[in-house]
């Protein structure tokens, strides 16, 4: 026989359907509570007078009306069949159930459905009554148990946070783009400097053989600039061709030192003079 003596249980008689609520369990909390108080429910048996087994294939919920008359329906996720044949479950009244002060009327409902979701049997207890006490705050409007003001406040905070994240990300992208652009400009400026240096060497060689030292100095600077521009190889290629044109032009002058551009055996860009030694 199912034990019904536990003091903190709301007990339902499986045969008569009556609900017994201990005095200690009549208070359900305060109007406006959300998922606070948990009530323990025990059905003192699992087989009805007609032989229907409530422990097999039944889903459970607690339905009723809050203190203001608004309806609620709270699903019960877990039920237990005890060793002495009772069905036990825990019910935490939802915000809809606690939305208004006053008497909260409820009953326990079990539904058996087939594999297609069609209801085969429904079992209901009689009505029980608890109390939701008054609070000093205006009650939440009972629209699906939602607090619309709090929801809008939470949404506003989320929107503000998202806007900040977006602004930070945009600033990072802009900064990265500026760095890339700056690096590209630096590389192109370096290659343009090579051309200027090569042209200066060409003009010096055409004027005098004695200008060789000037050419060497200019080409050393050009070599250093070419190394810095290596990462902009595509842009540098076209400009390097211009530099070579100036070098070839310089070599054509009578008495001028013979020199050329090229790469050394270790892959460095270099300028060669007279005996083809690297400068």
C-alpha atoms as a PDB file:
ATOM      1  CA  UNK A   1       0.000   0.000   0.000  1.00  0.00           C
ATOM      2  CA  UNK A   2       1.305   3.479  -0.915  1.00  0.00           C
ATOM      3  CA  UNK A   3       2.626   5.507   2.021  1.00  0.00           C
ATOM      4  CA  UNK A   4       0.670   8.785   2.334  1.00  0.00           C
ATOM      5  CA  UNK A   5       2.074  10.035   5.627  1.00  0.00           C
ATOM      6  CA  UNK A   6       4.880  12.240   4.306  1.00  0.00           C
ATOM      7  CA  UNK A   7       4.055  15.702   5.607  1.00  0.00           C
ATOM      8  CA  UNK A   8       5.304  17.883   2.755  1.00  0.00           C
ATOM      9  CA  UNK A   9       3.479  16.065  -0.077  1.00  0.00           C
ATOM     10  CA  UNK A  10       0.295  17.132  -1.818  1.00  0.00           C
ATOM     11  CA  UNK A  11      -1.529  13.802  -1.974  1.00  0.00           C
ATOM     12  CA  UNK A  12      -3.997  12.754  -4.680  1.00  0.00           C
ATOM     13  CA  UNK A  13      -6.255   9.735  -4.188  1.00  0.00           C
ATOM     14  CA  UNK A  14      -6.077   7.581  -7.320  1.00  0.00           C
ATOM     15  CA  UNK A  15      -9.636   6.334  -6.816  1.00  0.00           C
ATOM     16  CA  UNK A  16     -11.627   9.307  -5.461  1.00  0.00           C
ATOM     17  CA  UNK A  17      -9.400  11.959  -7.203  1.00  0.00           C
ATOM     18  CA  UNK A  18      -9.462  14.182  -4.099  1.00  0.00           C
ATOM     19  CA  UNK A  19      -6.430  16.384  -3.285  1.00  0.00           C
ATOM     20  CA  UNK A  20      -5.147  16.771   0.254  1.00  0.00           C
ATOM     21  CA  UNK A  21      -2.888  19.785   0.851  1.00  0.00           C
ATOM     22  CA  UNK A  22      -1.052  19.969   4.182  1.00  0.00           C
ATOM     23  CA  UNK A  23      -1.304  23.300   5.977  1.00  0.00           C
ATOM     24  CA  UNK A  24       2.456  23.769   5.513  1.00  0.00           C
ATOM     25  CA  UNK A  25       2.026  23.555   1.712  1.00  0.00           C
ATOM     26  CA  UNK A  26      -0.919  25.943   1.205  1.00  0.00           C
ATOM     27  CA  UNK A  27       1.355  28.942   0.637  1.00  0.00           C
ATOM     28  CA  UNK A  28       2.624  28.850  -2.962  1.00  0.00           C
ATOM     29  CA  UNK A  29       4.699  32.031  -2.718  1.00  0.00           C
ATOM     30  CA  UNK A  30       4.160  35.653  -3.665  1.00  0.00           C
ATOM     31  CA  UNK A  31       2.477  37.003  -6.794  1.00  0.00           C
ATOM     32  CA  UNK A  32       5.113  37.659  -9.422  1.00  0.00           C
ATOM     33  CA  UNK A  33       7.349  34.741  -8.390  1.00  0.00           C
ATOM     34  CA  UNK A  34       9.053  32.901 -11.235  1.00  0.00           C
ATOM     35  CA  UNK A  35      10.034  29.247 -10.805  1.00  0.00           C
ATOM     36  CA  UNK A  36      10.638  29.592  -7.059  1.00  0.00           C
ATOM     37  CA  UNK A  37       8.558  27.258  -4.888  1.00  0.00           C
ATOM     38  CA  UNK A  38       8.491  23.531  -5.711  1.00  0.00           C
ATOM     39  CA  UNK A  39       5.547  21.378  -4.655  1.00  0.00           C
ATOM     40  CA  UNK A  40       5.883  17.613  -4.221  1.00  0.00           C
ATOM     41  CA  UNK A  41       2.876  15.655  -5.479  1.00  0.00           C
ATOM     42  CA  UNK A  42       2.092  12.007  -4.772  1.00  0.00           C
ATOM     43  CA  UNK A  43      -0.719   9.934  -6.303  1.00  0.00           C
ATOM     44  CA  UNK A  44      -1.394   7.172  -3.801  1.00  0.00           C
ATOM     45  CA  UNK A  45      -1.514   4.392  -6.350  1.00  0.00           C
ATOM     46  CA  UNK A  46      -1.045   3.955 -10.082  1.00  0.00           C
ATOM     47  CA  UNK A  47      -3.970   1.765 -11.172  1.00  0.00           C
ATOM     48  CA  UNK A  48      -7.450   3.258 -11.482  1.00  0.00           C
ATOM     49  CA  UNK A  49     -10.674   1.563 -10.446  1.00  0.00           C
ATOM     50  CA  UNK A  50     -11.182   0.508 -14.070  1.00  0.00           C
ATOM     51  CA  UNK A  51      -7.721  -1.051 -14.231  1.00  0.00           C
ATOM     52  CA  UNK A  52      -5.940   1.708 -16.204  1.00  0.00           C
ATOM     53  CA  UNK A  53      -2.237   1.849 -15.309  1.00  0.00           C
ATOM     54  CA  UNK A  54      -1.262   5.510 -14.933  1.00  0.00           C
ATOM     55  CA  UNK A  55       2.451   4.648 -14.789  1.00  0.00           C
ATOM     56  CA  UNK A  56       2.504   3.433 -18.393  1.00  0.00           C
ATOM     57  CA  UNK A  57       2.757   5.858 -21.351  1.00  0.00           C
ATOM     58  CA  UNK A  58       1.210   8.812 -19.514  1.00  0.00           C
ATOM     59  CA  UNK A  59       2.536  12.369 -19.650  1.00  0.00           C
ATOM     60  CA  UNK A  60       1.679  14.747 -16.832  1.00  0.00           C
ATOM     61  CA  UNK A  61       0.916  18.392 -16.246  1.00  0.00           C
ATOM     62  CA  UNK A  62      -0.686  20.684 -13.684  1.00  0.00           C
ATOM     63  CA  UNK A  63      -3.401  22.974 -15.060  1.00  0.00           C
ATOM     64  CA  UNK A  64      -5.546  25.640 -13.448  1.00  0.00           C
ATOM     65  CA  UNK A  65      -6.200  29.342 -12.930  1.00  0.00           C
ATOM     66  CA  UNK A  66      -4.095  31.905 -11.085  1.00  0.00           C
ATOM     67  CA  UNK A  67      -5.368  34.378  -8.471  1.00  0.00           C
ATOM     68  CA  UNK A  68      -6.682  36.669 -11.213  1.00  0.00           C
ATOM     69  CA  UNK A  69      -8.475  33.881 -13.092  1.00  0.00           C
ATOM     70  CA  UNK A  70      -5.822  33.568 -15.817  1.00  0.00           C
ATOM     71  CA  UNK A  71      -5.206  30.033 -17.104  1.00  0.00           C
ATOM     72  CA  UNK A  72      -1.923  28.156 -16.895  1.00  0.00           C
ATOM     73  CA  UNK A  73      -0.655  24.707 -17.902  1.00  0.00           C
ATOM     74  CA  UNK A  74       2.647  23.530 -16.431  1.00  0.00           C
ATOM     75  CA  UNK A  75       4.221  20.350 -17.871  1.00  0.00           C
ATOM     76  CA  UNK A  76       5.825  17.849 -15.501  1.00  0.00           C
ATOM     77  CA  UNK A  77       9.078  16.543 -16.937  1.00  0.00           C
ATOM     78  CA  UNK A  78       9.822  13.669 -14.552  1.00  0.00           C
ATOM     79  CA  UNK A  79       7.592  11.221 -12.686  1.00  0.00           C
ATOM     80  CA  UNK A  80       8.651   8.313 -10.514  1.00  0.00           C
ATOM     81  CA  UNK A  81       6.904   5.049  -9.704  1.00  0.00           C
ATOM     82  CA  UNK A  82       7.925   4.241  -6.147  1.00  0.00           C
ATOM     83  CA  UNK A  83       8.554   0.788  -4.764  1.00  0.00           C
ATOM     84  CA  UNK A  84       5.264   0.929  -2.862  1.00  0.00           C
ATOM     85  CA  UNK A  85       3.234   1.741  -6.005  1.00  0.00           C
ATOM     86  CA  UNK A  86       2.867   5.517  -5.797  1.00  0.00           C
ATOM     87  CA  UNK A  87       3.430   8.009  -8.608  1.00  0.00           C
ATOM     88  CA  UNK A  88       5.502  10.999  -7.467  1.00  0.00           C
ATOM     89  CA  UNK A  89       6.322  14.229  -9.279  1.00  0.00           C
ATOM     90  CA  UNK A  90       7.632  17.728  -8.538  1.00  0.00           C
ATOM     91  CA  UNK A  91       5.774  20.841  -9.707  1.00  0.00           C
ATOM     92  CA  UNK A  92       7.290  24.333  -9.720  1.00  0.00           C
ATOM     93  CA  UNK A  93       4.458  26.805 -10.449  1.00  0.00           C
ATOM     94  CA  UNK A  94       5.213  28.843 -13.574  1.00  0.00           C
ATOM     95  CA  UNK A  95       5.127  32.662 -13.825  1.00  0.00           C
ATOM     96  CA  UNK A  96       1.668  32.356 -15.380  1.00  0.00           C
ATOM     97  CA  UNK A  97       0.463  30.425 -12.329  1.00  0.00           C
ATOM     98  CA  UNK A  98       1.920  33.050  -9.974  1.00  0.00           C
ATOM     99  CA  UNK A  99       1.002  36.140 -12.009  1.00  0.00           C
ATOM    100  CA  UNK A 100      -1.799  37.289  -9.669  1.00  0.00           C
ATOM    101  CA  UNK A 101      -2.327  37.360  -5.937  1.00  0.00           C
ATOM    102  CA  UNK A 102      -5.114  35.340  -4.407  1.00  0.00           C
ATOM    103  CA  UNK A 103      -6.328  31.765  -4.588  1.00  0.00           C
ATOM    104  CA  UNK A 104      -4.554  29.548  -7.099  1.00  0.00           C
ATOM    105  CA  UNK A 105      -6.796  26.675  -8.239  1.00  0.00           C
ATOM    106  CA  UNK A 106      -5.184  23.650  -9.860  1.00  0.00           C
ATOM    107  CA  UNK A 107      -5.594  19.989 -10.684  1.00  0.00           C
ATOM    108  CA  UNK A 108      -3.239  17.205 -11.764  1.00  0.00           C
ATOM    109  CA  UNK A 109      -3.727  15.802 -15.263  1.00  0.00           C
ATOM    110  CA  UNK A 110      -2.312  12.662 -16.904  1.00  0.00           C
ATOM    111  CA  UNK A 111      -2.627  12.029 -20.658  1.00  0.00           C
ATOM    112  CA  UNK A 112      -1.883   8.839 -22.562  1.00  0.00           C
ATOM    113  CA  UNK A 113      -1.064   9.313 -26.253  1.00  0.00           C
ATOM    114  CA  UNK A 114      -0.247   6.873 -29.022  1.00  0.00           C
ATOM    115  CA  UNK A 115       2.810   6.996 -31.308  1.00  0.00           C
ATOM    116  CA  UNK A 116       1.071   9.553 -33.539  1.00  0.00           C
ATOM    117  CA  UNK A 117       0.359  11.893 -30.631  1.00  0.00           C
ATOM    118  CA  UNK A 118      -3.358  11.129 -30.521  1.00  0.00           C
ATOM    119  CA  UNK A 119      -4.822  11.262 -27.020  1.00  0.00           C
ATOM    120  CA  UNK A 120      -6.130   7.889 -25.861  1.00  0.00           C
ATOM    121  CA  UNK A 121      -6.901   8.563 -22.197  1.00  0.00           C
ATOM    122  CA  UNK A 122      -6.992  11.577 -19.876  1.00  0.00           C
ATOM    123  CA  UNK A 123      -7.045  11.370 -16.098  1.00  0.00           C
ATOM    124  CA  UNK A 124      -7.781  14.371 -13.854  1.00  0.00           C
ATOM    125  CA  UNK A 125      -7.732  14.955 -10.143  1.00  0.00           C
ATOM    126  CA  UNK A 126     -10.205  17.176  -8.353  1.00  0.00           C
ATOM    127  CA  UNK A 127      -9.369  20.844  -7.862  1.00  0.00           C
ATOM    128  CA  UNK A 128      -6.907  21.883  -5.181  1.00  0.00           C
ATOM    129  CA  UNK A 129      -6.305  25.410  -3.873  1.00  0.00           C
ATOM    130  CA  UNK A 130      -3.145  27.261  -2.851  1.00  0.00           C
ATOM    131  CA  UNK A 131      -2.404  30.885  -2.030  1.00  0.00           C
ATOM    132  CA  UNK A 132      -0.261  33.431  -3.892  1.00  0.00           C
ATOM    133  CA  UNK A 133       0.382  36.290  -1.519  1.00  0.00           C
ATOM    134  CA  UNK A 134       0.305  39.966  -2.472  1.00  0.00           C
ATOM    135  CA  UNK A 135       3.437  41.937  -3.195  1.00  0.00           C
ATOM    136  CA  UNK A 136       4.144  45.679  -3.443  1.00  0.00           C
ATOM    137  CA  UNK A 137       5.119  45.495  -7.099  1.00  0.00           C
ATOM    138  CA  UNK A 138       2.691  45.813  -9.971  1.00  0.00           C
ATOM    139  CA  UNK A 139       1.948  42.275 -11.184  1.00  0.00           C
ATOM    140  CA  UNK A 140       3.353  41.011 -14.464  1.00  0.00           C
ATOM    141  CA  UNK A 141       0.888  41.010 -17.296  1.00  0.00           C
ATOM    142  CA  UNK A 142      -0.086  37.406 -17.909  1.00  0.00           C
ATOM    143  CA  UNK A 143       0.808  37.016 -21.582  1.00  0.00           C
ATOM    144  CA  UNK A 144       2.224  33.531 -21.763  1.00  0.00           C
ATOM    145  CA  UNK A 145       3.966  34.182 -18.451  1.00  0.00           C
ATOM    146  CA  UNK A 146       6.271  36.750 -20.081  1.00  0.00           C
ATOM    147  CA  UNK A 147       7.451  39.963 -18.437  1.00  0.00           C
ATOM    148  CA  UNK A 148       7.449  42.215 -21.502  1.00  0.00           C
ATOM    149  CA  UNK A 149       9.157  45.174 -19.818  1.00  0.00           C
ATOM    150  CA  UNK A 150      12.007  43.023 -18.493  1.00  0.00           C
ATOM    151  CA  UNK A 151      12.287  41.331 -21.885  1.00  0.00           C
ATOM    152  CA  UNK A 152      12.589  44.657 -23.693  1.00  0.00           C
ATOM    153  CA  UNK A 153      15.195  45.838 -21.172  1.00  0.00           C
ATOM    154  CA  UNK A 154      17.244  42.691 -21.738  1.00  0.00           C
ATOM    155  CA  UNK A 155      16.949  43.124 -25.513  1.00  0.00           C
ATOM    156  CA  UNK A 156      18.146  46.742 -25.272  1.00  0.00           C
ATOM    157  CA  UNK A 157      21.232  45.667 -23.328  1.00  0.00           C
ATOM    158  CA  UNK A 158      21.945  42.937 -25.875  1.00  0.00           C
ATOM    159  CA  UNK A 159      21.595  45.361 -28.798  1.00  0.00           C
ATOM    160  CA  UNK A 160      24.003  47.797 -27.109  1.00  0.00           C
ATOM    161  CA  UNK A 161      26.538  45.020 -26.519  1.00  0.00           C
ATOM    162  CA  UNK A 162      26.250  43.821 -30.122  1.00  0.00           C
ATOM    163  CA  UNK A 163      26.738  47.380 -31.399  1.00  0.00           C
ATOM    164  CA  UNK A 164      29.944  47.745 -29.385  1.00  0.00           C
ATOM    165  CA  UNK A 165      31.307  44.420 -30.660  1.00  0.00           C
ATOM    166  CA  UNK A 166      30.518  45.469 -34.236  1.00  0.00           C
ATOM    167  CA  UNK A 167      32.180  48.870 -33.780  1.00  0.00           C
ATOM    168  CA  UNK A 168      35.320  47.285 -32.313  1.00  0.00           C
ATOM    169  CA  UNK A 169      35.524  44.765 -35.146  1.00  0.00           C
ATOM    170  CA  UNK A 170      35.054  47.515 -37.751  1.00  0.00           C
ATOM    171  CA  UNK A 171      37.847  49.567 -36.182  1.00  0.00           C
ATOM    172  CA  UNK A 172      40.179  46.537 -36.235  1.00  0.00           C
ATOM    173  CA  UNK A 173      39.459  45.902 -39.911  1.00  0.00           C
ATOM    174  CA  UNK A 174      39.998  49.566 -40.786  1.00  0.00           C
ATOM    175  CA  UNK A 175      43.301  49.637 -38.897  1.00  0.00           C
ATOM    176  CA  UNK A 176      44.489  46.480 -40.647  1.00  0.00           C
ATOM    177  CA  UNK A 177      43.548  47.908 -44.037  1.00  0.00           C
ATOM    178  CA  UNK A 178      45.458  51.104 -43.304  1.00  0.00           C
ATOM    179  CA  UNK A 179      48.554  49.099 -42.330  1.00  0.00           C
ATOM    180  CA  UNK A 180      48.364  47.072 -45.539  1.00  0.00           C
ATOM    181  CA  UNK A 181      47.981  50.243 -47.599  1.00  0.00           C
ATOM    182  CA  UNK A 182      50.899  51.876 -45.792  1.00  0.00           C
ATOM    183  CA  UNK A 183      53.096  48.832 -46.411  1.00  0.00           C
ATOM    184  CA  UNK A 184      52.189  48.819 -50.091  1.00  0.00           C
ATOM    185  CA  UNK A 185      52.989  52.508 -50.458  1.00  0.00           C
ATOM    186  CA  UNK A 186      56.325  52.063 -48.671  1.00  0.00           C
ATOM    187  CA  UNK A 187      57.307  49.234 -51.027  1.00  0.00           C
ATOM    188  CA  UNK A 188      56.368  51.228 -54.135  1.00  0.00           C
ATOM    189  CA  UNK A 189      58.252  54.268 -52.876  1.00  0.00           C
ATOM    190  CA  UNK A 190      61.329  52.090 -52.379  1.00  0.00           C
ATOM    191  CA  UNK A 191      61.173  50.810 -55.963  1.00  0.00           C
ATOM    192  CA  UNK A 192      60.690  54.323 -57.314  1.00  0.00           C
ATOM    193  CA  UNK A 193      63.794  55.310 -55.348  1.00  0.00           C
ATOM    194  CA  UNK A 194      65.702  52.545 -57.173  1.00  0.00           C
ATOM    195  CA  UNK A 195      64.791  54.092 -60.511  1.00  0.00           C
ATOM    196  CA  UNK A 196      65.891  57.538 -59.377  1.00  0.00           C
ATOM    197  CA  UNK A 197      69.217  56.126 -58.163  1.00  0.00           C
ATOM    198  CA  UNK A 198      69.767  54.186 -61.376  1.00  0.00           C
ATOM    199  CA  UNK A 199      68.992  57.253 -63.484  1.00  0.00           C
ATOM    200  CA  UNK A 200      71.432  59.315 -61.423  1.00  0.00           C
ATOM    201  CA  UNK A 201      74.136  56.686 -62.047  1.00  0.00           C
ATOM    202  CA  UNK A 202      73.379  56.687 -65.777  1.00  0.00           C
ATOM    203  CA  UNK A 203      73.683  60.463 -66.033  1.00  0.00           C
ATOM    204  CA  UNK A 204      76.923  60.434 -64.034  1.00  0.00           C
ATOM    205  CA  UNK A 205      78.464  57.717 -66.212  1.00  0.00           C
ATOM    206  CA  UNK A 206      77.597  59.602 -69.397  1.00  0.00           C
ATOM    207  CA  UNK A 207      79.381  62.696 -68.110  1.00  0.00           C
ATOM    208  CA  UNK A 208      82.694  61.231 -67.029  1.00  0.00           C
ATOM    209  CA  UNK A 209      84.532  58.029 -66.258  1.00  0.00           C
ATOM    210  CA  UNK A 210      85.501  59.736 -63.024  1.00  0.00           C
ATOM    211  CA  UNK A 211      81.816  59.631 -62.053  1.00  0.00           C
ATOM    212  CA  UNK A 212      82.145  55.884 -61.356  1.00  0.00           C
ATOM    213  CA  UNK A 213      82.294  56.522 -57.611  1.00  0.00           C
ATOM    214  CA  UNK A 214      79.039  58.427 -57.799  1.00  0.00           C
ATOM    215  CA  UNK A 215      77.502  55.548 -59.734  1.00  0.00           C
ATOM    216  CA  UNK A 216      78.698  53.009 -57.187  1.00  0.00           C
ATOM    217  CA  UNK A 217      77.254  55.030 -54.298  1.00  0.00           C
ATOM    218  CA  UNK A 218      73.949  55.472 -56.078  1.00  0.00           C
ATOM    219  CA  UNK A 219      73.702  51.812 -56.987  1.00  0.00           C
ATOM    220  CA  UNK A 220      74.522  50.694 -53.438  1.00  0.00           C
ATOM    221  CA  UNK A 221      71.567  52.743 -52.247  1.00  0.00           C
ATOM    222  CA  UNK A 222      69.449  51.289 -55.030  1.00  0.00           C
ATOM    223  CA  UNK A 223      70.384  47.749 -53.974  1.00  0.00           C
ATOM    224  CA  UNK A 224      69.347  48.424 -50.385  1.00  0.00           C
ATOM    225  CA  UNK A 225      66.024  49.880 -51.515  1.00  0.00           C
ATOM    226  CA  UNK A 226      65.410  46.887 -53.804  1.00  0.00           C
ATOM    227  CA  UNK A 227      65.788  44.521 -50.870  1.00  0.00           C
ATOM    228  CA  UNK A 228      63.126  46.465 -48.919  1.00  0.00           C
ATOM    229  CA  UNK A 229      60.769  46.240 -51.911  1.00  0.00           C
ATOM    230  CA  UNK A 230      61.074  42.474 -52.301  1.00  0.00           C
ATOM    231  CA  UNK A 231      57.610  41.850 -50.834  1.00  0.00           C
ATOM    232  CA  UNK A 232      56.014  43.961 -53.557  1.00  0.00           C
ATOM    233  CA  UNK A 233      57.554  41.872 -56.314  1.00  0.00           C
ATOM    234  CA  UNK A 234      54.695  42.280 -58.790  1.00  0.00           C
ATOM    235  CA  UNK A 235      54.738  46.082 -58.594  1.00  0.00           C
ATOM    236  CA  UNK A 236      58.545  46.167 -58.444  1.00  0.00           C
ATOM    237  CA  UNK A 237      58.943  44.076 -61.611  1.00  0.00           C
ATOM    238  CA  UNK A 238      57.696  46.768 -63.931  1.00  0.00           C
ATOM    239  CA  UNK A 239      59.713  49.473 -62.215  1.00  0.00           C
ATOM    240  CA  UNK A 240      62.878  47.310 -62.225  1.00  0.00           C
ATOM    241  CA  UNK A 241      62.629  47.143 -66.006  1.00  0.00           C
ATOM    242  CA  UNK A 242      62.750  50.919 -66.105  1.00  0.00           C
ATOM    243  CA  UNK A 243      65.842  50.880 -63.889  1.00  0.00           C
ATOM    244  CA  UNK A 244      67.552  48.408 -66.225  1.00  0.00           C
ATOM    245  CA  UNK A 245      66.765  50.650 -69.185  1.00  0.00           C
ATOM    246  CA  UNK A 246      68.584  53.516 -67.488  1.00  0.00           C
ATOM    247  CA  UNK A 247      71.535  51.234 -66.693  1.00  0.00           C
ATOM    248  CA  UNK A 248      71.791  50.011 -70.294  1.00  0.00           C
ATOM    249  CA  UNK A 249      71.625  53.588 -71.500  1.00  0.00           C
ATOM    250  CA  UNK A 250      74.486  54.547 -69.194  1.00  0.00           C
ATOM    251  CA  UNK A 251      76.626  51.659 -70.420  1.00  0.00           C
ATOM    252  CA  UNK A 252      76.379  52.974 -73.974  1.00  0.00           C
ATOM    253  CA  UNK A 253      78.314  56.134 -73.287  1.00  0.00           C
ATOM    254  CA  UNK A 254      81.979  56.178 -74.371  1.00  0.00           C
ATOM    255  CA  UNK A 255      84.471  55.794 -71.557  1.00  0.00           C
ATOM    256  CA  UNK A 256      81.765  55.028 -69.027  1.00  0.00           C
ATOM    257  CA  UNK A 257      82.205  52.184 -66.590  1.00  0.00           C
ATOM    258  CA  UNK A 258      80.605  48.912 -67.613  1.00  0.00           C
ATOM    259  CA  UNK A 259      78.001  47.860 -65.074  1.00  0.00           C
ATOM    260  CA  UNK A 260      74.674  46.036 -64.799  1.00  0.00           C
ATOM    261  CA  UNK A 261      71.898  44.879 -62.414  1.00  0.00           C
ATOM    262  CA  UNK A 262      71.488  41.257 -61.400  1.00  0.00           C
ATOM    263  CA  UNK A 263      71.153  38.690 -58.613  1.00  0.00           C
ATOM    264  CA  UNK A 264      74.070  37.123 -56.759  1.00  0.00           C
ATOM    265  CA  UNK A 265      74.461  33.368 -56.182  1.00  0.00           C
ATOM    266  CA  UNK A 266      72.738  33.712 -52.777  1.00  0.00           C
ATOM    267  CA  UNK A 267      69.688  35.429 -54.329  1.00  0.00           C
ATOM    268  CA  UNK A 268      70.377  39.078 -53.369  1.00  0.00           C
ATOM    269  CA  UNK A 269      69.746  41.910 -55.841  1.00  0.00           C
ATOM    270  CA  UNK A 270      73.093  43.626 -56.727  1.00  0.00           C
ATOM    271  CA  UNK A 271      74.896  46.056 -59.077  1.00  0.00           C
ATOM    272  CA  UNK A 272      78.058  44.943 -60.993  1.00  0.00           C
ATOM    273  CA  UNK A 273      80.846  47.353 -62.162  1.00  0.00           C
ATOM    274  CA  UNK A 274      83.914  46.904 -64.520  1.00  0.00           C
ATOM    275  CA  UNK A 275      85.179  43.436 -63.687  1.00  0.00           C
ATOM    276  CA  UNK A 276      81.627  42.218 -62.886  1.00  0.00           C
ATOM    277  CA  UNK A 277      82.367  42.173 -59.169  1.00  0.00           C
ATOM    278  CA  UNK A 278      79.412  42.777 -56.919  1.00  0.00           C
ATOM    279  CA  UNK A 279      78.910  46.309 -55.543  1.00  0.00           C
END
